[in-house]
Structure formats: C-alpha cells, structure tokens
Amino acid sequence: MAAPNSTTFSHLSFVLVGIPGLEPWHPWISIPFSLMYTAAVLGNCGLLLLIATQRRLHEPMFIFLSMLAVADLLISTCTVPSTLAIFWFGPKAISFSACLTQVFFVHFVFVAESAVLLAMGFDRYVAVCDPLRYTTVLTNEKIGKIATAIVVRSFCIIVPQIFMIKRLPFCASNVIQHSYCEHIAVARLACADISLNIWYGFAVPIVTLMLDVVFIAVSYVLILRAVFKLPTKDARHKPLSTCGSHVCIILLFYTPAFFTFLAHRFGHNIPKHIHILLADLYVVIPPMLNPIVYGMKTKQLQKQIVYLLSLKWKWC
C-alpha cells in the first residue's frame, strides 16, 4: 500500500508509515521482527516466571533483573505490534491521544531502564565490596524505595515532553515518517517553533543517561579495585563472573542508545530509513538478548533451569 498524501490534515489523528523508502520490503522485514519479538516476550516472561516461582532467586540481584524484564516487555510491546501491523497492512492511523500515550511509554521506559541498570550496578558494588552487609543494605523495603524512585524520576523527566507536544499547533501534514510515535518525529509535524522540544528531547535524556553511566562506571572502578586486592585468581574469578552479564547488558543498552541520539542530532547525511530501522531494532533486539545473556552467564539461573527440567523429566 502506498504512503498517504503528506498534505492530509487532521488534528485528531496521525498516520504512521513504517520505514520510509523501504515500503516494498516491509513484509520481508516483518519476518525477523516478529521472530525477535516472540523471542523477547517468551524469554522475559519465562524469566519473570522463573524468578517469581523459585524462592532461591528471591534475591536483590534477581529482583532488579525482573524489573529489567518488565521494562523490556513494556518497551517492545508498546511499539513492535503496531510496527508489525504497518509492515503487514500498510500505513496505520493512530489517534492523537494514543500517539501521546505511545510517546510517553517509549521514553518513560527508556529512562527507567537506564535507572534499573544503575540500580543493578549498585547491587553488584555492594555484593562485591561489602558482601557481609549485602542483605542488610538491600532489604526488600529499600529495593521498593529504589523502584519507586526509578518510576518517579522517569515520570518527572518525560511528562514535560508530553506537554510540549500538546502545546504545538498541527496545521499541515499528519503523516509521521516513523514506525511508532516518537517525540521529535511528532514535533516536526508542527507549524511552530520546536526548538524547545528538540533541545529538551535531546539534552535531558542524554544528561540523564550520562549521569547513570558515570555512576555505573564509578561502581565498577570500585569493584575492580576490590577484586584485584583479593589474593588468588580463583577468588577474583567469582565476583568478576557475577558482573559479566551486567556488563553485557550495559553495552547492549547504552551503545545503540548513544549512537541513535548522536545520529539523530548530527548524522544529517545518514539516510532516513536507516534512522528508522535502527530505532525499530533498538526496541526489540536488547529485550530479546537480555534474558539470553543472563541465562548464559548467571549460574543461579542455569541451576534453577536444570532443576526444573530434571523435575519435568521425572514426571514424564
């Protein structure tokens, strides 16, 4: 189906067109996307079910991991199904309120996931540098307060973006050159100055993410300093192995995030369809890989999976 006329006007709805320039390839692109989304949903739901049902996994590390799984499910589920609908059936109309809701959840979960990774870094710092106080420092009550702080911080950062969009007059095109509603993509349709939207949408998330990265880096500097003070190689191996999965998740999250931000701000020579394709991949690849990375690198999860499989085998 061809893209709709860009002069279409409506204050009440927008039209999402998918990946501009790659419309003939949409059905083929949908195949890996649907497979990756299915893997992300099954992997994260399986991880949540495993943590919820196995008392041995009711530890701070796995509680934070379950928060990460919830964030991955939210960000993929609020974007990928609508993207697949566009790939299968062509450009899709979306109401203004639904579009704002999608903008909120996409950016809210993104900022929240960064905060969860910071909390996981603090968890590893306490576990390695102060193991005797681990259970007293990270009690369920304190973890609840950390979770509340993550939600409140993310809400306060993202809500101004919604009001910035609502104040804009839309008097020309209602066609969003994207697969889902995203702050700047929507703001660019306005027939008014959007400088505030651009700078807030770029500067605030970047500053927030940079602060999170700095604090995570500090925690790992302290972890490495504590680890290399240990007397034997075997003593060093265990704390480093417990941090390995977290480092992989950090790289999966922040590397494409910073690349996407910088490409949108400075990559004016990068074709538009590359920008959109990368944005689409970003909301499905990390959610798909996170459970796999933790499943492969965390011995406690591996033991519980083997234990459950052995029980199932006995029943069979």
Protein backbone atom coordinates (compact mmCIF):
# COMPACT_ATOMS: atom_id res chain seq x y z
CA MET A 1 0.00 0.00 0.00
CA ALA A 2 1.41 3.39 -0.98
CA ALA A 3 2.11 6.06 1.62
CA PRO A 4 -0.76 8.50 2.03
CA ASN A 5 -0.68 12.03 0.71
CA SER A 6 1.51 14.11 3.05
CA THR A 7 -0.86 17.06 2.80
CA THR A 8 -3.61 15.16 4.67
CA PHE A 9 -4.75 17.23 7.65
CA SER A 10 -6.22 16.13 10.94
CA HIS A 11 -5.95 17.46 14.46
CA LEU A 12 -7.36 14.25 15.86
CA SER A 13 -5.13 11.61 14.30
CA PHE A 14 -1.79 10.90 12.67
CA VAL A 15 -0.66 8.31 10.13
CA LEU A 16 2.37 6.08 10.75
CA VAL A 17 4.06 4.88 7.54
CA GLY A 18 6.71 2.47 8.83
CA ILE A 19 10.19 2.75 7.29
CA PRO A 20 10.05 5.41 4.54
CA GLY A 21 11.67 4.21 1.33
CA LEU A 22 11.53 0.54 2.28
CA GLU A 23 7.79 0.00 1.85
CA PRO A 24 8.21 -2.84 -0.70
CA TRP A 25 10.41 -4.64 1.83
CA HIS A 26 8.03 -4.30 4.78
CA PRO A 27 6.61 -7.87 4.53
CA TRP A 28 10.12 -9.33 4.47
CA ILE A 29 11.37 -7.08 7.29
CA SER A 30 8.39 -8.20 9.39
CA ILE A 31 9.64 -11.82 9.47
CA PRO A 32 12.78 -11.26 11.61
CA PHE A 33 10.93 -8.63 13.65
CA SER A 34 8.09 -11.00 14.52
CA LEU A 35 10.57 -13.76 15.42
CA MET A 36 12.64 -11.41 17.60
CA TYR A 37 9.54 -10.02 19.32
CA THR A 38 8.24 -13.53 20.04
CA ALA A 39 11.64 -14.49 21.47
CA ALA A 40 11.68 -11.31 23.60
CA VAL A 41 8.20 -11.94 25.04
CA LEU A 42 8.82 -15.64 25.73
CA GLY A 43 12.29 -15.02 27.17
CA ASN A 44 11.27 -12.21 29.52
CA CYS A 45 8.01 -13.87 30.59
CA GLY A 46 9.91 -17.09 31.25
CA LEU A 47 12.49 -15.18 33.26
CA LEU A 48 9.80 -13.46 35.35
CA LEU A 49 8.01 -16.76 35.94
CA LEU A 50 11.25 -18.46 37.00
CA ILE A 51 12.16 -15.67 39.45
CA ALA A 52 8.62 -15.50 40.86
CA THR A 53 8.27 -19.24 41.46
CA GLN A 54 11.77 -20.13 42.70
CA ARG A 55 12.45 -18.92 46.25
CA ARG A 56 16.21 -19.32 45.75
CA LEU A 57 16.03 -16.48 43.25
CA HIS A 58 14.29 -14.05 45.63
CA GLU A 59 17.50 -12.04 45.99
CA PRO A 60 18.14 -8.35 45.20
CA MET A 61 20.09 -9.21 42.03
CA PHE A 62 17.15 -11.15 40.56
CA ILE A 63 14.55 -8.64 41.74
CA PHE A 64 16.40 -5.96 39.76
CA LEU A 65 16.64 -8.40 36.85
CA SER A 66 12.85 -8.85 36.98
CA MET A 67 12.47 -5.04 36.81
CA LEU A 68 14.64 -5.07 33.69
CA ALA A 69 12.48 -7.84 32.19
CA VAL A 70 9.29 -5.83 32.86
CA ALA A 71 10.86 -2.75 31.21
CA ASP A 72 11.89 -4.85 28.18
CA LEU A 73 8.36 -6.25 27.85
CA LEU A 74 6.83 -2.77 28.07
CA ILE A 75 9.08 -1.07 25.53
CA SER A 76 8.80 -3.87 22.98
CA THR A 77 5.06 -4.44 23.44
CA CYS A 78 4.11 -0.77 23.13
CA THR A 79 5.97 -0.46 19.80
CA VAL A 80 6.58 -3.73 17.95
CA PRO A 81 2.94 -4.96 17.48
CA SER A 82 1.91 -1.65 15.87
CA THR A 83 5.09 -1.69 13.76
CA LEU A 84 4.29 -5.21 12.55
CA ALA A 85 0.74 -4.11 11.71
CA ILE A 86 2.21 -1.40 9.45
CA PHE A 87 4.59 -3.89 7.83
CA TRP A 88 1.70 -6.29 7.12
CA PHE A 89 -1.22 -3.99 6.30
CA GLY A 90 0.31 -0.65 5.28
CA PRO A 91 0.20 2.86 6.84
CA LYS A 92 -1.75 2.96 10.08
CA ALA A 93 -3.90 5.74 11.54
CA ILE A 94 -3.40 6.50 15.23
CA SER A 95 -5.35 8.97 17.35
CA PHE A 96 -3.57 11.96 18.86
CA SER A 97 -4.15 10.71 22.41
CA ALA A 98 -2.92 7.19 21.55
CA CYS A 99 0.14 8.71 19.90
CA LEU A 100 0.91 10.78 23.01
CA THR A 101 0.48 7.67 25.15
CA GLN A 102 2.97 5.79 22.99
CA VAL A 103 5.44 8.69 23.16
CA PHE A 104 5.17 8.68 26.94
CA PHE A 105 5.70 4.94 27.39
CA VAL A 106 8.56 4.67 24.87
CA HIS A 107 10.57 7.44 26.53
CA PHE A 108 9.47 6.64 30.09
CA VAL A 109 10.59 3.00 29.83
CA PHE A 110 13.84 4.04 28.15
CA VAL A 111 14.79 6.35 31.05
CA ALA A 112 13.53 3.82 33.61
CA GLU A 113 15.63 1.01 32.09
CA SER A 114 18.75 3.16 32.39
CA ALA A 115 17.93 3.71 36.08
CA VAL A 116 17.40 -0.05 36.57
CA LEU A 117 20.87 -0.70 35.12
CA LEU A 118 22.26 1.86 37.59
CA ALA A 119 20.49 0.06 40.46
CA MET A 120 21.95 -3.24 39.25
CA GLY A 121 25.40 -1.64 39.26
CA PHE A 122 24.88 -0.57 42.87
CA ASP A 123 23.73 -4.11 43.69
CA ARG A 124 26.96 -5.56 42.25
CA TYR A 125 29.03 -2.95 44.10
CA VAL A 126 27.51 -3.90 47.48
CA ALA A 127 27.75 -7.65 46.70
CA VAL A 128 31.48 -7.43 45.85
CA CYS A 129 32.77 -4.59 48.03
CA ASP A 130 30.65 -5.09 51.15
CA PRO A 131 29.29 -8.68 51.00
CA LEU A 132 28.73 -9.02 54.75
CA ARG A 133 26.21 -6.15 54.71
CA TYR A 134 24.58 -7.14 51.38
CA THR A 135 21.32 -8.43 52.87
CA THR A 136 21.05 -5.54 55.33
CA VAL A 137 21.80 -2.82 52.77
CA LEU A 138 19.48 -4.18 50.05
CA THR A 139 16.40 -5.19 52.00
CA ASN A 140 13.02 -5.60 50.30
CA GLU A 141 11.94 -2.26 51.75
CA LYS A 142 14.94 -0.45 50.27
CA ILE A 143 14.51 -2.18 46.93
CA GLY A 144 10.88 -0.98 46.93
CA LYS A 145 12.07 2.58 47.57
CA ILE A 146 14.60 2.28 44.73
CA ALA A 147 11.85 1.05 42.39
CA THR A 148 9.60 3.96 43.43
CA ALA A 149 12.43 6.44 42.86
CA ILE A 150 13.02 4.98 39.37
CA VAL A 151 9.34 5.41 38.44
CA VAL A 152 9.10 8.94 39.89
CA ARG A 153 12.34 10.11 38.24
CA SER A 154 11.35 8.72 34.84
CA PHE A 155 7.85 10.25 35.11
CA CYS A 156 9.21 13.70 36.01
CA ILE A 157 11.70 13.63 33.12
CA ILE A 158 9.24 12.51 30.43
CA VAL A 159 5.95 14.26 31.33
CA PRO A 160 7.24 17.71 30.17
CA GLN A 161 7.75 16.22 26.69
CA ILE A 162 4.07 15.34 26.52
CA PHE A 163 3.01 18.88 27.45
CA MET A 164 5.49 20.28 24.91
CA ILE A 165 3.80 18.26 22.17
CA LYS A 166 0.27 19.14 23.35
CA ARG A 167 1.00 22.86 23.14
CA LEU A 168 2.05 22.64 19.48
CA PRO A 169 -0.36 23.55 16.65
CA PHE A 170 -0.53 20.93 13.86
CA CYS A 171 -1.77 22.64 10.72
CA ALA A 172 -0.05 20.82 7.86
CA SER A 173 0.85 17.17 7.38
CA ASN A 174 -0.31 14.48 9.79
CA VAL A 175 1.99 11.78 8.34
CA ILE A 176 4.66 10.62 10.81
CA GLN A 177 7.72 9.30 8.98
CA HIS A 178 8.26 6.56 11.56
CA SER A 179 7.02 3.14 12.67
CA TYR A 180 5.81 4.41 16.04
CA CYS A 181 5.15 7.74 17.74
CA GLU A 182 8.36 9.32 18.96
CA HIS A 183 8.74 12.80 20.48
CA ILE A 184 10.78 14.57 17.80
CA ALA A 185 9.10 12.74 14.90
CA VAL A 186 5.72 14.05 16.09
CA ALA A 187 7.00 17.55 16.96
CA ARG A 188 8.43 18.01 13.45
CA LEU A 189 4.89 17.99 12.05
CA ALA A 190 4.03 21.17 13.96
CA CYS A 191 3.73 24.53 12.23
CA ALA A 192 5.51 26.34 15.09
CA ASP A 193 8.97 26.71 16.56
CA ILE A 194 10.05 23.37 18.07
CA SER A 195 13.49 24.43 19.34
CA LEU A 196 12.44 23.76 22.94
CA ASN A 197 11.22 20.27 22.01
CA ILE A 198 14.47 19.48 20.19
CA TRP A 199 16.76 20.67 22.94
CA TYR A 200 14.76 19.16 25.78
CA GLY A 201 14.25 15.91 23.86
CA PHE A 202 17.98 15.69 23.18
CA ALA A 203 19.68 17.27 26.19
CA VAL A 204 17.65 15.92 29.12
CA PRO A 205 17.76 12.20 28.21
CA ILE A 206 21.45 12.46 27.27
CA VAL A 207 22.34 14.19 30.55
CA THR A 208 20.29 11.63 32.48
CA LEU A 209 21.92 8.71 30.69
CA MET A 210 25.40 10.24 31.06
CA LEU A 211 24.92 10.60 34.81
CA ASP A 212 23.75 6.98 35.04
CA VAL A 213 26.76 5.83 33.00
CA VAL A 214 29.15 7.84 35.20
CA PHE A 215 27.74 6.31 38.39
CA ILE A 216 27.84 2.82 36.88
CA ALA A 217 31.46 3.40 35.82
CA VAL A 218 32.36 4.56 39.35
CA SER A 219 30.76 1.44 40.83
CA TYR A 220 32.82 -0.78 38.52
CA VAL A 221 36.04 1.07 39.26
CA LEU A 222 35.43 0.38 42.96
CA ILE A 223 34.52 -3.24 42.18
CA LEU A 224 37.70 -3.80 40.17
CA ARG A 225 39.80 -2.17 42.87
CA ALA A 226 38.28 -4.53 45.47
CA VAL A 227 38.61 -7.60 43.22
CA PHE A 228 42.29 -7.07 42.40
CA LYS A 229 43.07 -6.85 46.10
CA LEU A 230 41.96 -10.48 46.50
CA PRO A 231 44.88 -12.90 46.99
CA THR A 232 44.13 -15.65 44.43
CA LYS A 233 42.94 -15.94 40.84
CA ASP A 234 40.01 -18.17 41.85
CA ALA A 235 38.90 -15.62 44.44
CA ARG A 236 38.88 -12.94 41.73
CA HIS A 237 37.04 -15.06 39.19
CA LYS A 238 33.75 -15.43 41.08
CA PRO A 239 32.94 -11.71 41.60
CA LEU A 240 34.04 -10.88 38.07
CA SER A 241 31.83 -13.63 36.60
CA THR A 242 28.80 -12.32 38.51
CA CYS A 243 29.37 -8.88 36.95
CA GLY A 244 29.91 -10.19 33.41
CA SER A 245 26.22 -10.46 32.49
CA HIS A 246 25.53 -6.96 33.82
CA VAL A 247 28.37 -5.51 31.73
CA CYS A 248 26.96 -7.22 28.61
CA ILE A 249 23.50 -5.76 29.27
CA ILE A 250 25.03 -2.30 29.79
CA LEU A 251 26.77 -2.49 26.41
CA LEU A 252 23.59 -3.76 24.71
CA PHE A 253 21.59 -0.84 26.11
CA TYR A 254 23.92 2.17 26.03
CA THR A 255 25.93 1.59 22.84
CA PRO A 256 22.97 1.76 20.42
CA ALA A 257 21.27 4.39 22.61
CA PHE A 258 24.13 6.88 22.32
CA PHE A 259 24.62 6.04 18.65
CA THR A 260 20.92 6.71 17.94
CA PHE A 261 20.92 10.00 19.86
CA LEU A 262 24.08 11.24 18.16
CA ALA A 263 22.94 10.06 14.72
CA HIS A 264 19.63 11.94 15.08
CA ARG A 265 21.41 15.10 16.22
CA PHE A 266 24.48 15.13 13.97
CA GLY A 267 24.03 12.39 11.36
CA HIS A 268 22.31 14.54 8.74
CA ASN A 269 23.93 12.55 5.92
CA ILE A 270 22.56 9.22 7.18
CA PRO A 271 19.50 8.15 5.12
CA LYS A 272 16.18 8.50 6.94
CA HIS A 273 15.28 4.84 6.52
CA ILE A 274 18.49 3.87 8.36
CA HIS A 275 17.48 6.09 11.31
CA ILE A 276 14.03 4.50 11.47
CA LEU A 277 15.31 0.94 11.02
CA LEU A 278 17.83 1.40 13.85
CA ALA A 279 15.11 2.85 16.10
CA ASP A 280 12.90 -0.16 15.33
CA LEU A 281 15.71 -2.62 16.04
CA TYR A 282 16.57 -0.87 19.29
CA VAL A 283 13.17 -1.66 20.86
CA VAL A 284 13.37 -5.37 20.02
CA ILE A 285 16.99 -6.59 20.00
CA PRO A 286 18.04 -5.71 23.61
CA PRO A 287 14.75 -7.13 25.03
CA MET A 288 15.38 -10.32 23.06
CA LEU A 289 19.03 -10.69 24.10
CA ASN A 290 18.84 -9.67 27.78
CA PRO A 291 17.25 -12.93 29.05
CA ILE A 292 19.66 -14.96 26.89
CA VAL A 293 22.70 -13.13 28.25
CA TYR A 294 21.62 -13.56 31.87
CA GLY A 295 20.62 -17.17 31.27
CA MET A 296 24.03 -17.99 29.79
CA LYS A 297 26.17 -16.09 32.27
CA THR A 298 24.35 -16.47 35.60
CA LYS A 299 24.97 -19.81 37.33
CA GLN A 300 21.99 -19.47 39.71
CA LEU A 301 19.60 -19.20 36.76
CA GLN A 302 21.26 -22.11 34.99
CA LYS A 303 20.95 -24.30 38.11
CA GLN A 304 17.27 -23.47 38.55
CA ILE A 305 16.52 -24.17 34.88
CA VAL A 306 18.34 -27.52 35.10
CA TYR A 307 16.47 -28.30 38.34
CA LEU A 308 13.08 -27.55 36.77
CA LEU A 309 13.93 -29.58 33.67
CA SER A 310 15.01 -32.53 35.82
CA LEU A 311 11.70 -32.38 37.72
CA LYS A 312 9.77 -32.30 34.45
CA TRP A 313 11.79 -35.28 33.19
CA LYS A 314 10.96 -37.28 36.35
CA TRP A 315 7.25 -36.54 35.93
CA CYS A 316 7.42 -37.68 32.31
